[in-house]
Amino acid sequence: MTMPVLSLPQRAEAPARPFRLLSLQPTAADDTPATRRISSQLLLNGERELVIQHQGSEYHLRLTRNNKLILTK
């Protein structure tokens, strides 16, 4: 029983573009500020509902019995 042999591509068969390694480190283009975060417990301050005024309208942020947040106008 013989095993097939695979050969590597020769220089002429190599891809025209070089590979680019990706980095997990931020680059100069990633200078966008981080989104501000606030805990729902701090925002609700022990209450189950909060009214948010936005551009003349009122929005209600409610904490449900299942500890889910619902925002309604």
Protein backbone atom coordinates (compact mmCIF):
# COMPACT_ATOMS: atom_id res chain seq x y z
CA MET A 1 0.00 0.00 0.00
CA THR A 2 1.49 3.30 -1.06
CA MET A 3 0.67 6.69 0.45
CA PRO A 4 0.20 9.71 -1.79
CA VAL A 5 2.84 12.41 -1.46
CA LEU A 6 1.76 16.02 -1.48
CA SER A 7 4.23 18.60 -2.67
CA LEU A 8 4.40 22.21 -1.61
CA PRO A 9 3.81 24.83 -4.29
CA GLN A 10 6.91 26.17 -5.99
CA ARG A 11 7.73 29.89 -5.90
CA ALA A 12 5.95 30.51 -9.22
CA GLU A 13 2.81 28.85 -7.87
CA ALA A 14 2.86 30.78 -4.59
CA PRO A 15 0.15 33.40 -4.03
CA ALA A 16 0.84 36.79 -5.59
CA ARG A 17 -0.07 38.64 -2.39
CA PRO A 18 1.80 38.02 0.85
CA PHE A 19 -0.16 36.85 3.84
CA ARG A 20 -1.01 39.49 6.42
CA LEU A 21 -0.96 38.47 10.06
CA LEU A 22 -3.74 39.86 12.21
CA SER A 23 -2.91 41.30 15.59
CA LEU A 24 -5.12 41.49 18.67
CA GLN A 25 -3.32 44.64 19.74
CA PRO A 26 -5.11 47.95 18.96
CA THR A 27 -3.68 49.95 16.08
CA ALA A 28 -3.61 53.69 15.48
CA ALA A 29 -6.92 53.37 13.57
CA ASP A 30 -8.60 51.98 16.73
CA ASP A 31 -8.51 55.31 18.59
CA THR A 32 -12.29 55.43 19.02
CA PRO A 33 -13.31 56.02 22.64
CA ALA A 34 -14.88 53.15 24.55
CA THR A 35 -18.65 53.19 25.08
CA ARG A 36 -19.59 54.32 28.57
CA ARG A 37 -21.12 51.58 30.73
CA ILE A 38 -23.31 51.87 33.81
CA SER A 39 -24.84 49.11 35.91
CA SER A 40 -28.64 48.81 35.82
CA GLN A 41 -28.66 48.53 39.63
CA LEU A 42 -26.90 51.87 39.93
CA LEU A 43 -29.20 53.43 37.32
CA LEU A 44 -32.44 52.17 38.92
CA ASN A 45 -31.16 52.83 42.46
CA GLY A 46 -33.27 50.06 44.03
CA GLU A 47 -36.47 51.04 42.16
CA ARG A 48 -38.28 48.97 39.52
CA GLU A 49 -38.93 51.84 37.09
CA LEU A 50 -37.07 54.88 35.81
CA VAL A 51 -38.39 57.68 33.59
CA ILE A 52 -35.94 59.01 31.00
CA GLN A 53 -36.70 62.34 29.34
CA HIS A 54 -35.38 62.59 25.78
CA GLN A 55 -36.19 65.38 23.30
CA GLY A 56 -39.50 66.20 24.96
CA SER A 57 -40.66 62.58 25.27
CA GLU A 58 -40.72 60.30 28.29
CA TYR A 59 -39.37 56.76 28.15
CA HIS A 60 -39.97 54.21 30.91
CA LEU A 61 -37.25 51.75 31.80
CA ARG A 62 -38.83 48.91 33.78
CA LEU A 63 -37.37 45.92 35.57
CA THR A 64 -39.62 42.86 35.10
CA ARG A 65 -40.28 40.01 37.55
CA ASN A 66 -37.83 37.93 35.52
CA ASN A 67 -35.13 40.60 35.97
CA LYS A 68 -35.30 41.73 32.32
CA LEU A 69 -35.23 45.37 31.26
CA ILE A 70 -37.96 46.85 29.07
CA LEU A 71 -37.81 50.35 27.60
CA THR A 72 -41.14 51.79 26.42
CA LYS A 73 -42.26 55.20 25.24
